[in-house]
Amino acid sequence: MFNSLPPIARLAQRILADIENAVRRFPRYHKYTVGSDLRAQAMAVARCTHRAWRDADRKRERVEQLGEAIDDLKISLQLAKQVNAFGSFGEFEAIARSVNDLGRQSGGWRKQLANGQNGRTSASSQRASTLSSPVAHEATL
């Protein structure tokens, strides 16, 4: 199943695994506070990604939910960094870059859906704009 997923879903799953591994190395106090929150939010992002990919009827709504879930994850990542929960800055930076990339992909997906399928307008709207253009009008006179 993992190989048939789109790149955004594979990235969400990789982030989930990276966060699980990072939280495992958190100090005990942070493991059960901010670490638990991070793990739950990473799981929510992975679930939102799968739902957005599979639910054709509510795709726009699902992609919006994905964007919100990614924003929530970013806030928790920043908190974990501020309280020095990560073993190293490099570990935080690698996860943060992946989450940022996921956010960019989600934003691109949102824009694509807002512009229509593949950014194209429908044939009927193209025809209507062509028929109502001044050049077409002058040609009929």
N, C-alpha and C. Protein backbone atom coordinates (compact mmCIF):
# COMPACT_ATOMS: atom_id res chain seq x y z
N MET A 1 0.82 -1.19 0.00
CA MET A 1 0.00 0.00 0.00
C MET A 1 0.87 1.25 0.00
N PHE A 2 2.00 1.22 0.68
CA PHE A 2 2.85 2.41 0.81
C PHE A 2 3.33 2.90 -0.55
N ASN A 3 3.64 2.00 -1.47
CA ASN A 3 4.16 2.40 -2.78
C ASN A 3 3.11 3.03 -3.67
N SER A 4 1.83 2.73 -3.45
CA SER A 4 0.78 3.27 -4.29
C SER A 4 0.30 4.64 -3.82
N LEU A 5 0.82 5.13 -2.73
CA LEU A 5 0.41 6.43 -2.19
C LEU A 5 1.05 7.57 -2.96
N PRO A 6 0.38 8.73 -3.01
CA PRO A 6 0.99 9.89 -3.65
C PRO A 6 2.15 10.40 -2.78
N PRO A 7 3.03 11.21 -3.35
CA PRO A 7 4.21 11.68 -2.61
C PRO A 7 3.84 12.41 -1.30
N ILE A 8 2.76 13.17 -1.28
CA ILE A 8 2.40 13.90 -0.07
C ILE A 8 2.03 12.93 1.06
N ALA A 9 1.38 11.84 0.74
CA ALA A 9 1.01 10.86 1.76
C ALA A 9 2.24 10.09 2.25
N ARG A 10 3.16 9.78 1.33
CA ARG A 10 4.40 9.11 1.75
C ARG A 10 5.22 10.01 2.67
N LEU A 11 5.25 11.32 2.35
CA LEU A 11 5.98 12.26 3.20
C LEU A 11 5.33 12.36 4.57
N ALA A 12 4.01 12.39 4.63
CA ALA A 12 3.30 12.45 5.92
C ALA A 12 3.62 11.22 6.76
N GLN A 13 3.69 10.05 6.13
CA GLN A 13 4.02 8.84 6.88
C GLN A 13 5.47 8.84 7.34
N ARG A 14 6.36 9.37 6.52
CA ARG A 14 7.77 9.46 6.93
C ARG A 14 7.92 10.40 8.12
N ILE A 15 7.20 11.53 8.09
CA ILE A 15 7.24 12.47 9.22
C ILE A 15 6.72 11.80 10.48
N LEU A 16 5.63 11.05 10.34
CA LEU A 16 5.08 10.33 11.49
C LEU A 16 6.12 9.40 12.10
N ALA A 17 6.81 8.64 11.25
CA ALA A 17 7.84 7.72 11.74
C ALA A 17 9.01 8.47 12.37
N ASP A 18 9.43 9.58 11.74
CA ASP A 18 10.54 10.38 12.29
C ASP A 18 10.18 10.95 13.65
N ILE A 19 8.95 11.42 13.80
CA ILE A 19 8.53 11.98 15.09
C ILE A 19 8.44 10.88 16.14
N GLU A 20 7.91 9.72 15.77
CA GLU A 20 7.86 8.60 16.71
C GLU A 20 9.26 8.26 17.22
N ASN A 21 10.22 8.20 16.31
CA ASN A 21 11.60 7.88 16.71
C ASN A 21 12.22 8.99 17.55
N ALA A 22 11.94 10.23 17.23
CA ALA A 22 12.50 11.36 17.99
C ALA A 22 11.92 11.39 19.41
N VAL A 23 10.61 11.18 19.52
CA VAL A 23 9.96 11.23 20.84
C VAL A 23 10.46 10.10 21.72
N ARG A 24 10.79 8.99 21.13
CA ARG A 24 11.34 7.86 21.91
C ARG A 24 12.61 8.28 22.65
N ARG A 25 13.36 9.23 22.09
CA ARG A 25 14.60 9.69 22.71
C ARG A 25 14.42 10.94 23.57
N PHE A 26 13.20 11.46 23.67
CA PHE A 26 12.95 12.65 24.53
C PHE A 26 13.22 12.29 25.99
N PRO A 27 13.61 13.28 26.79
CA PRO A 27 13.67 13.06 28.24
C PRO A 27 12.27 12.65 28.75
N ARG A 28 12.25 11.93 29.84
CA ARG A 28 11.00 11.38 30.35
C ARG A 28 9.90 12.42 30.52
N TYR A 29 10.22 13.57 31.08
CA TYR A 29 9.22 14.61 31.32
C TYR A 29 8.59 15.06 30.00
N HIS A 30 9.38 15.28 28.98
CA HIS A 30 8.87 15.77 27.69
C HIS A 30 8.22 14.67 26.87
N LYS A 31 8.63 13.43 27.10
CA LYS A 31 8.08 12.31 26.34
C LYS A 31 6.57 12.19 26.56
N TYR A 32 6.12 12.47 27.77
CA TYR A 32 4.71 12.27 28.11
C TYR A 32 3.91 13.56 28.07
N THR A 33 4.52 14.65 27.74
CA THR A 33 3.78 15.91 27.61
C THR A 33 3.80 16.35 26.16
N VAL A 34 4.81 17.10 25.79
CA VAL A 34 4.90 17.61 24.42
C VAL A 34 5.12 16.47 23.42
N GLY A 35 5.79 15.43 23.82
CA GLY A 35 6.02 14.30 22.94
C GLY A 35 4.73 13.58 22.57
N SER A 36 3.87 13.40 23.55
CA SER A 36 2.58 12.77 23.30
C SER A 36 1.74 13.62 22.35
N ASP A 37 1.78 14.92 22.54
CA ASP A 37 1.05 15.84 21.67
C ASP A 37 1.60 15.79 20.25
N LEU A 38 2.92 15.78 20.12
CA LEU A 38 3.55 15.69 18.79
C LEU A 38 3.16 14.42 18.06
N ARG A 39 3.19 13.32 18.77
CA ARG A 39 2.82 12.04 18.16
C ARG A 39 1.38 12.04 17.69
N ALA A 40 0.49 12.57 18.51
CA ALA A 40 -0.93 12.62 18.14
C ALA A 40 -1.16 13.52 16.93
N GLN A 41 -0.47 14.65 16.90
CA GLN A 41 -0.66 15.56 15.77
C GLN A 41 -0.04 15.03 14.49
N ALA A 42 1.07 14.34 14.58
CA ALA A 42 1.66 13.72 13.39
C ALA A 42 0.72 12.64 12.85
N MET A 43 0.08 11.89 13.74
CA MET A 43 -0.89 10.88 13.31
C MET A 43 -2.09 11.56 12.66
N ALA A 44 -2.54 12.68 13.21
CA ALA A 44 -3.67 13.42 12.62
C ALA A 44 -3.32 13.92 11.22
N VAL A 45 -2.09 14.38 11.03
CA VAL A 45 -1.66 14.86 9.71
C VAL A 45 -1.67 13.69 8.72
N ALA A 46 -1.14 12.55 9.12
CA ALA A 46 -1.12 11.38 8.23
C ALA A 46 -2.55 10.95 7.88
N ARG A 47 -3.43 10.96 8.85
CA ARG A 47 -4.83 10.58 8.58
C ARG A 47 -5.51 11.59 7.66
N CYS A 48 -5.29 12.88 7.91
CA CYS A 48 -5.89 13.91 7.05
C CYS A 48 -5.39 13.79 5.62
N THR A 49 -4.13 13.45 5.46
CA THR A 49 -3.56 13.29 4.13
C THR A 49 -4.23 12.15 3.39
N HIS A 50 -4.41 11.03 4.06
CA HIS A 50 -5.07 9.88 3.43
C HIS A 50 -6.52 10.19 3.10
N ARG A 51 -7.21 10.86 4.01
CA ARG A 51 -8.61 11.21 3.75
C ARG A 51 -8.74 12.17 2.58
N ALA A 52 -7.85 13.14 2.50
CA ALA A 52 -7.90 14.10 1.39
C ALA A 52 -7.62 13.41 0.07
N TRP A 53 -6.74 12.44 0.07
CA TRP A 53 -6.40 11.73 -1.16
C TRP A 53 -7.54 10.82 -1.62
N ARG A 54 -8.22 10.19 -0.66
CA ARG A 54 -9.22 9.19 -1.00
C ARG A 54 -10.64 9.73 -1.16
N ASP A 55 -10.99 10.83 -0.50
CA ASP A 55 -12.37 11.34 -0.48
C ASP A 55 -12.57 12.35 -1.60
N ALA A 56 -12.95 11.87 -2.77
CA ALA A 56 -13.10 12.75 -3.94
C ALA A 56 -14.25 13.74 -3.77
N ASP A 57 -15.30 13.34 -3.06
CA ASP A 57 -16.48 14.19 -2.91
C ASP A 57 -16.21 15.41 -2.04
N ARG A 58 -15.34 15.26 -1.06
CA ARG A 58 -15.07 16.36 -0.11
C ARG A 58 -13.60 16.74 -0.10
N LYS A 59 -12.96 16.63 -1.26
CA LYS A 59 -11.51 16.83 -1.35
C LYS A 59 -11.08 18.21 -0.87
N ARG A 60 -11.78 19.27 -1.30
CA ARG A 60 -11.38 20.63 -0.87
C ARG A 60 -11.43 20.78 0.64
N GLU A 61 -12.52 20.31 1.23
CA GLU A 61 -12.66 20.38 2.69
C GLU A 61 -11.56 19.60 3.39
N ARG A 62 -11.26 18.43 2.86
CA ARG A 62 -10.22 17.59 3.46
C ARG A 62 -8.84 18.22 3.34
N VAL A 63 -8.56 18.87 2.22
CA VAL A 63 -7.26 19.52 2.04
C VAL A 63 -7.15 20.73 2.98
N GLU A 64 -8.25 21.43 3.21
CA GLU A 64 -8.24 22.53 4.18
C GLU A 64 -7.95 22.00 5.59
N GLN A 65 -8.56 20.88 5.94
CA GLN A 65 -8.31 20.26 7.25
C GLN A 65 -6.85 19.83 7.36
N LEU A 66 -6.29 19.34 6.27
CA LEU A 66 -4.89 18.95 6.27
C LEU A 66 -3.99 20.15 6.56
N GLY A 67 -4.28 21.28 5.93
CA GLY A 67 -3.50 22.49 6.16
C GLY A 67 -3.54 22.92 7.63
N GLU A 68 -4.72 22.83 8.24
CA GLU A 68 -4.86 23.18 9.66
C GLU A 68 -4.09 22.21 10.54
N ALA A 69 -4.14 20.93 10.20
CA ALA A 69 -3.41 19.92 10.99
C ALA A 69 -1.91 20.14 10.90
N ILE A 70 -1.43 20.52 9.72
CA ILE A 70 0.00 20.79 9.56
C ILE A 70 0.41 22.01 10.37
N ASP A 71 -0.42 23.04 10.38
CA ASP A 71 -0.14 24.23 11.19
C ASP A 71 -0.06 23.88 12.68
N ASP A 72 -0.97 23.04 13.15
CA ASP A 72 -0.94 22.60 14.55
C ASP A 72 0.34 21.83 14.86
N LEU A 73 0.75 20.99 13.93
CA LEU A 73 1.99 20.23 14.13
C LEU A 73 3.20 21.16 14.21
N LYS A 74 3.22 22.19 13.38
CA LYS A 74 4.32 23.15 13.40
C LYS A 74 4.42 23.85 14.75
N ILE A 75 3.28 24.20 15.34
CA ILE A 75 3.28 24.86 16.65
C ILE A 75 3.87 23.93 17.71
N SER A 76 3.47 22.67 17.69
CA SER A 76 4.00 21.72 18.67
C SER A 76 5.48 21.46 18.46
N LEU A 77 5.92 21.43 17.21
CA LEU A 77 7.35 21.26 16.94
C LEU A 77 8.16 22.42 17.52
N GLN A 78 7.65 23.63 17.35
CA GLN A 78 8.34 24.80 17.89
C GLN A 78 8.41 24.73 19.42
N LEU A 79 7.32 24.32 20.04
CA LEU A 79 7.31 24.19 21.50
C LEU A 79 8.34 23.16 21.96
N ALA A 80 8.39 22.01 21.27
CA ALA A 80 9.35 20.98 21.64
C ALA A 80 10.78 21.48 21.50
N LYS A 81 11.02 22.30 20.50
CA LYS A 81 12.36 22.88 20.32
C LYS A 81 12.66 23.86 21.46
N GLN A 82 11.67 24.69 21.81
CA GLN A 82 11.89 25.71 22.84
C GLN A 82 12.16 25.12 24.21
N VAL A 83 11.58 23.96 24.50
CA VAL A 83 11.82 23.34 25.81
C VAL A 83 12.96 22.33 25.76
N ASN A 84 13.69 22.32 24.64
CA ASN A 84 14.86 21.45 24.46
C ASN A 84 14.53 19.97 24.60
N ALA A 85 13.41 19.56 24.01
CA ALA A 85 13.02 18.16 24.07
C ALA A 85 13.81 17.30 23.09
N PHE A 86 14.21 17.87 21.98
CA PHE A 86 14.94 17.10 20.96
C PHE A 86 16.37 16.84 21.43
N GLY A 87 16.89 15.72 20.98
CA GLY A 87 18.26 15.35 21.34
C GLY A 87 19.29 16.30 20.76
N SER A 88 18.98 16.85 19.58
CA SER A 88 19.90 17.79 18.94
C SER A 88 19.10 18.73 18.05
N PHE A 89 19.74 19.84 17.72
CA PHE A 89 19.09 20.79 16.82
C PHE A 89 18.94 20.17 15.43
N GLY A 90 19.89 19.36 15.03
CA GLY A 90 19.84 18.71 13.72
C GLY A 90 18.62 17.81 13.57
N GLU A 91 18.28 17.11 14.64
CA GLU A 91 17.10 16.25 14.61
C GLU A 91 15.84 17.09 14.43
N PHE A 92 15.73 18.18 15.20
CA PHE A 92 14.60 19.09 15.05
C PHE A 92 14.56 19.67 13.64
N GLU A 93 15.71 20.12 13.16
CA GLU A 93 15.77 20.78 11.85
C GLU A 93 15.33 19.86 10.73
N ALA A 94 15.73 18.61 10.77
CA ALA A 94 15.35 17.65 9.72
C ALA A 94 13.84 17.45 9.70
N ILE A 95 13.25 17.30 10.87
CA ILE A 95 11.79 17.11 10.94
C ILE A 95 11.08 18.40 10.53
N ALA A 96 11.57 19.53 10.98
CA ALA A 96 10.94 20.81 10.65
C ALA A 96 10.97 21.06 9.14
N ARG A 97 12.08 20.71 8.50
CA ARG A 97 12.17 20.88 7.03
C ARG A 97 11.16 19.98 6.33
N SER A 98 11.01 18.77 6.79
CA SER A 98 10.03 17.86 6.19
C SER A 98 8.61 18.37 6.36
N VAL A 99 8.31 18.88 7.56
CA VAL A 99 6.97 19.41 7.81
C VAL A 99 6.73 20.66 6.96
N ASN A 100 7.74 21.48 6.81
CA ASN A 100 7.62 22.68 5.96
C ASN A 100 7.36 22.27 4.50
N ASP A 101 8.06 21.25 4.04
CA ASP A 101 7.85 20.75 2.68
C ASP A 101 6.42 20.20 2.53
N LEU A 102 5.95 19.50 3.54
CA LEU A 102 4.58 18.98 3.52
C LEU A 102 3.58 20.13 3.44
N GLY A 103 3.84 21.20 4.18
CA GLY A 103 2.97 22.37 4.13
C GLY A 103 2.94 23.01 2.75
N ARG A 104 4.10 23.07 2.10
CA ARG A 104 4.15 23.62 0.73
C ARG A 104 3.36 22.75 -0.24
N GLN A 105 3.50 21.44 -0.10
CA GLN A 105 2.76 20.54 -0.97
C GLN A 105 1.26 20.67 -0.74
N SER A 106 0.87 20.78 0.52
CA SER A 106 -0.54 20.94 0.85
C SER A 106 -1.09 22.26 0.28
N GLY A 107 -0.31 23.32 0.38
CA GLY A 107 -0.72 24.61 -0.18
C GLY A 107 -0.85 24.56 -1.69
N GLY A 108 0.05 23.85 -2.35
CA GLY A 108 -0.04 23.68 -3.79
C GLY A 108 -1.28 22.88 -4.18
N TRP A 109 -1.59 21.88 -3.39
CA TRP A 109 -2.78 21.06 -3.64
C TRP A 109 -4.03 21.92 -3.49
N ARG A 110 -4.03 22.76 -2.44
CA ARG A 110 -5.17 23.66 -2.21
C ARG A 110 -5.36 24.62 -3.39
N LYS A 111 -4.26 25.18 -3.88
CA LYS A 111 -4.35 26.10 -5.02
C LYS A 111 -4.83 25.39 -6.27
N GLN A 112 -4.35 24.17 -6.47
CA GLN A 112 -4.76 23.39 -7.64
C GLN A 112 -6.27 23.15 -7.60
N LEU A 113 -6.79 22.81 -6.42
CA LEU A 113 -8.23 22.57 -6.30
C LEU A 113 -9.03 23.85 -6.47
N ALA A 114 -8.48 24.96 -6.02
CA ALA A 114 -9.19 26.24 -6.15
C ALA A 114 -9.26 26.68 -7.61
N ASN A 115 -8.24 26.34 -8.40
CA ASN A 115 -8.21 26.72 -9.82
C ASN A 115 -8.92 25.72 -10.70
N GLY A 116 -9.41 24.66 -10.15
CA GLY A 116 -10.06 23.62 -10.95
C GLY A 116 -9.08 22.53 -11.30
N GLN A 117 -9.57 21.52 -11.97
CA GLN A 117 -8.75 20.38 -12.35
C GLN A 117 -7.61 20.81 -13.25
N ASN A 118 -6.39 20.61 -12.81
CA ASN A 118 -5.18 20.93 -13.57
C ASN A 118 -5.11 22.39 -13.99
N GLY A 119 -5.82 23.27 -13.28
CA GLY A 119 -5.75 24.70 -13.58
C GLY A 119 -6.48 25.09 -14.85
N ARG A 120 -7.30 24.22 -15.41
CA ARG A 120 -8.00 24.51 -16.64
C ARG A 120 -9.41 25.01 -16.35
N THR A 121 -9.91 25.84 -17.23
CA THR A 121 -11.30 26.26 -17.11
C THR A 121 -12.14 25.30 -17.93
N SER A 122 -13.42 25.28 -17.67
CA SER A 122 -14.28 24.35 -18.39
C SER A 122 -14.47 24.80 -19.83
N ALA A 123 -14.83 23.87 -20.70
CA ALA A 123 -15.01 24.17 -22.11
C ALA A 123 -16.16 25.13 -22.32
N SER A 124 -17.23 25.00 -21.53
CA SER A 124 -18.38 25.89 -21.71
C SER A 124 -18.03 27.32 -21.34
N SER A 125 -17.22 27.52 -20.29
CA SER A 125 -16.85 28.89 -19.94
C SER A 125 -15.88 29.48 -20.96
N GLN A 126 -15.02 28.65 -21.55
CA GLN A 126 -14.14 29.14 -22.62
C GLN A 126 -14.96 29.54 -23.84
N ARG A 127 -15.94 28.72 -24.19
CA ARG A 127 -16.78 29.00 -25.33
C ARG A 127 -17.57 30.28 -25.10
N ALA A 128 -18.11 30.47 -23.91
CA ALA A 128 -18.89 31.66 -23.61
C ALA A 128 -18.03 32.91 -23.68
N SER A 129 -16.81 32.85 -23.19
CA SER A 129 -15.95 34.03 -23.24
C SER A 129 -15.52 34.32 -24.67
N THR A 130 -15.34 33.28 -25.49
CA THR A 130 -14.98 33.49 -26.89
C THR A 130 -16.15 34.11 -27.66
N LEU A 131 -17.34 33.62 -27.41
CA LEU A 131 -18.52 34.14 -28.12
C LEU A 131 -18.85 35.56 -27.73
N SER A 132 -18.51 35.96 -26.51
CA SER A 132 -18.85 37.30 -26.07
C SER A 132 -17.72 38.29 -26.25
N SER A 133 -16.61 37.86 -26.86
CA SER A 133 -15.49 38.77 -27.04
C SER A 133 -15.79 39.76 -28.16
N PRO A 134 -15.19 40.97 -28.13
CA PRO A 134 -15.45 41.99 -29.15
C PRO A 134 -15.08 41.51 -30.55
N VAL A 135 -14.02 40.70 -30.66
CA VAL A 135 -13.59 40.24 -31.98
C VAL A 135 -14.65 39.33 -32.59
N ALA A 136 -15.21 38.43 -31.79
CA ALA A 136 -16.24 37.55 -32.28
C ALA A 136 -17.50 38.33 -32.67
N HIS A 137 -17.81 39.37 -31.90
CA HIS A 137 -18.96 40.20 -32.17
C HIS A 137 -18.80 40.95 -33.48
N GLU A 138 -17.61 41.51 -33.73
CA GLU A 138 -17.36 42.26 -34.96
C GLU A 138 -17.39 41.34 -36.17
N ALA A 139 -16.99 40.09 -36.00
CA ALA A 139 -16.98 39.15 -37.12
C ALA A 139 -18.38 38.84 -37.60
N THR A 140 -19.36 38.89 -36.70
CA THR A 140 -20.74 38.57 -37.08
C THR A 140 -21.44 39.77 -37.72
N LEU A 141 -20.89 40.97 -37.61
CA LEU A 141 -21.54 42.17 -38.18
C LEU A 141 -21.30 42.32 -39.62
